[in-house]
């Protein structure tokens, strides 16, 4: 489940609202132990996702990078190359 959470800090372009929301959703899913909450828990689940997304965005805005930002496409290609080399990715 949490494999979908990726580093969002110090990338160019900066993380989008959708990326922050996706990370928050994956976090709440992991903590709750479910990908779909019951009807009784939907409000609490959705509220937690929204609150975590807000806090995450606040954190990303406050962090100071001491290194130049990484390029998203370059980093994604490196990750694909590592996956291919390890046999986890077939393309």
C-alpha atoms as a PDB file:
ATOM      1  CA  UNK A   1       0.000   0.000   0.000  1.00  0.00           C
ATOM      2  CA  UNK A   2       2.594   2.582   1.007  1.00  0.00           C
ATOM      3  CA  UNK A   3       4.754   1.920  -2.017  1.00  0.00           C
ATOM      4  CA  UNK A   4       2.663   4.611  -3.675  1.00  0.00           C
ATOM      5  CA  UNK A   5       3.988   7.264  -1.323  1.00  0.00           C
ATOM      6  CA  UNK A   6       6.959   8.947  -2.930  1.00  0.00           C
ATOM      7  CA  UNK A   7       9.304  11.674  -1.775  1.00  0.00           C
ATOM      8  CA  UNK A   8       7.662  14.983  -2.602  1.00  0.00           C
ATOM      9  CA  UNK A   9      10.275  17.411  -1.286  1.00  0.00           C
ATOM     10  CA  UNK A  10      12.909  19.134  -3.407  1.00  0.00           C
ATOM     11  CA  UNK A  11      11.643  18.332  -6.888  1.00  0.00           C
ATOM     12  CA  UNK A  12      11.198  20.600  -9.851  1.00  0.00           C
ATOM     13  CA  UNK A  13       8.405  21.149 -10.590  1.00  0.00           C
ATOM     14  CA  UNK A  14       7.103  21.090  -7.028  1.00  0.00           C
ATOM     15  CA  UNK A  15       4.618  18.489  -5.862  1.00  0.00           C
ATOM     16  CA  UNK A  16       1.087  19.069  -7.079  1.00  0.00           C
ATOM     17  CA  UNK A  17      -2.011  19.135  -4.906  1.00  0.00           C
ATOM     18  CA  UNK A  18      -3.007  15.811  -6.463  1.00  0.00           C
ATOM     19  CA  UNK A  19       0.324  14.221  -5.496  1.00  0.00           C
ATOM     20  CA  UNK A  20       0.011  15.484  -1.928  1.00  0.00           C
ATOM     21  CA  UNK A  21      -3.572  14.186  -1.736  1.00  0.00           C
ATOM     22  CA  UNK A  22      -2.535  10.786  -3.149  1.00  0.00           C
ATOM     23  CA  UNK A  23       0.210  10.471  -0.531  1.00  0.00           C
ATOM     24  CA  UNK A  24      -2.241  11.415   2.238  1.00  0.00           C
ATOM     25  CA  UNK A  25      -4.741   8.850   0.952  1.00  0.00           C
ATOM     26  CA  UNK A  26      -2.128   6.089   0.903  1.00  0.00           C
ATOM     27  CA  UNK A  27      -1.028   7.007   4.434  1.00  0.00           C
ATOM     28  CA  UNK A  28      -4.585   6.891   5.798  1.00  0.00           C
ATOM     29  CA  UNK A  29      -5.238   3.610   3.993  1.00  0.00           C
ATOM     30  CA  UNK A  30      -2.164   2.100   5.631  1.00  0.00           C
ATOM     31  CA  UNK A  31      -3.013   3.384   9.103  1.00  0.00           C
ATOM     32  CA  UNK A  32      -6.675   2.342   8.804  1.00  0.00           C
ATOM     33  CA  UNK A  33      -5.757  -1.043   7.354  1.00  0.00           C
ATOM     34  CA  UNK A  34      -8.237  -0.729   4.520  1.00  0.00           C
ATOM     35  CA  UNK A  35      -8.443   0.733   1.049  1.00  0.00           C
ATOM     36  CA  UNK A  36     -12.164   1.393   1.385  1.00  0.00           C
ATOM     37  CA  UNK A  37     -13.666   2.413   4.692  1.00  0.00           C
ATOM     38  CA  UNK A  38     -17.056   1.148   5.761  1.00  0.00           C
ATOM     39  CA  UNK A  39     -19.982   3.507   5.307  1.00  0.00           C
ATOM     40  CA  UNK A  40     -19.851   4.243   9.036  1.00  0.00           C
ATOM     41  CA  UNK A  41     -16.179   5.297   8.777  1.00  0.00           C
ATOM     42  CA  UNK A  42     -16.216   7.178   5.461  1.00  0.00           C
ATOM     43  CA  UNK A  43     -16.523  10.654   6.995  1.00  0.00           C
ATOM     44  CA  UNK A  44     -13.664  10.079   9.455  1.00  0.00           C
ATOM     45  CA  UNK A  45     -11.515   8.530   6.719  1.00  0.00           C
ATOM     46  CA  UNK A  46     -12.126  11.382   4.257  1.00  0.00           C
ATOM     47  CA  UNK A  47     -11.574  14.021   6.939  1.00  0.00           C
ATOM     48  CA  UNK A  48      -8.259  12.411   7.902  1.00  0.00           C
ATOM     49  CA  UNK A  49      -7.096  12.393   4.271  1.00  0.00           C
ATOM     50  CA  UNK A  50      -7.924  16.088   3.875  1.00  0.00           C
ATOM     51  CA  UNK A  51      -6.276  17.087   7.168  1.00  0.00           C
ATOM     52  CA  UNK A  52      -3.120  15.106   6.391  1.00  0.00           C
ATOM     53  CA  UNK A  53      -2.957  16.632   2.909  1.00  0.00           C
ATOM     54  CA  UNK A  54      -3.116  20.135   4.410  1.00  0.00           C
ATOM     55  CA  UNK A  55      -0.410  19.364   6.969  1.00  0.00           C
ATOM     56  CA  UNK A  56       1.750  17.710   4.307  1.00  0.00           C
ATOM     57  CA  UNK A  57       1.487  20.752   2.042  1.00  0.00           C
ATOM     58  CA  UNK A  58       2.377  22.990   4.984  1.00  0.00           C
ATOM     59  CA  UNK A  59       5.413  20.819   5.716  1.00  0.00           C
ATOM     60  CA  UNK A  60       6.585  20.860   2.094  1.00  0.00           C
ATOM     61  CA  UNK A  61       6.230  24.648   2.002  1.00  0.00           C
ATOM     62  CA  UNK A  62       8.287  25.048   5.169  1.00  0.00           C
ATOM     63  CA  UNK A  63      11.151  22.675   4.331  1.00  0.00           C
ATOM     64  CA  UNK A  64      14.415  24.233   3.194  1.00  0.00           C
ATOM     65  CA  UNK A  65      16.499  22.354   0.644  1.00  0.00           C
ATOM     66  CA  UNK A  66      20.283  22.531   0.792  1.00  0.00           C
ATOM     67  CA  UNK A  67      20.734  20.814  -2.552  1.00  0.00           C
ATOM     68  CA  UNK A  68      19.439  21.751  -5.997  1.00  0.00           C
ATOM     69  CA  UNK A  69      15.976  20.386  -6.828  1.00  0.00           C
ATOM     70  CA  UNK A  70      15.803  17.048  -8.611  1.00  0.00           C
ATOM     71  CA  UNK A  71      14.199  16.710 -12.021  1.00  0.00           C
ATOM     72  CA  UNK A  72      11.104  14.508 -11.862  1.00  0.00           C
ATOM     73  CA  UNK A  73      11.592  12.901 -15.273  1.00  0.00           C
ATOM     74  CA  UNK A  74      15.254  12.109 -14.656  1.00  0.00           C
ATOM     75  CA  UNK A  75      14.500  10.561 -11.266  1.00  0.00           C
ATOM     76  CA  UNK A  76      11.606   8.511 -12.717  1.00  0.00           C
ATOM     77  CA  UNK A  77      13.879   7.173 -15.458  1.00  0.00           C
ATOM     78  CA  UNK A  78      16.531   6.209 -12.895  1.00  0.00           C
ATOM     79  CA  UNK A  79      13.869   4.369 -10.895  1.00  0.00           C
ATOM     80  CA  UNK A  80      12.663   2.502 -14.010  1.00  0.00           C
ATOM     81  CA  UNK A  81      16.242   1.574 -14.905  1.00  0.00           C
ATOM     82  CA  UNK A  82      16.820   0.166 -11.389  1.00  0.00           C
ATOM     83  CA  UNK A  83      13.585  -1.816 -11.607  1.00  0.00           C
ATOM     84  CA  UNK A  84      14.531  -3.259 -14.996  1.00  0.00           C
ATOM     85  CA  UNK A  85      17.995  -4.169 -13.752  1.00  0.00           C
ATOM     86  CA  UNK A  86      16.505  -5.971 -10.740  1.00  0.00           C
ATOM     87  CA  UNK A  87      13.923  -7.806 -12.851  1.00  0.00           C
ATOM     88  CA  UNK A  88      10.922  -6.097 -11.235  1.00  0.00           C
ATOM     89  CA  UNK A  89       9.926  -4.191 -14.345  1.00  0.00           C
ATOM     90  CA  UNK A  90       9.307  -5.661 -17.753  1.00  0.00           C
ATOM     91  CA  UNK A  91       9.067  -3.324 -20.691  1.00  0.00           C
END
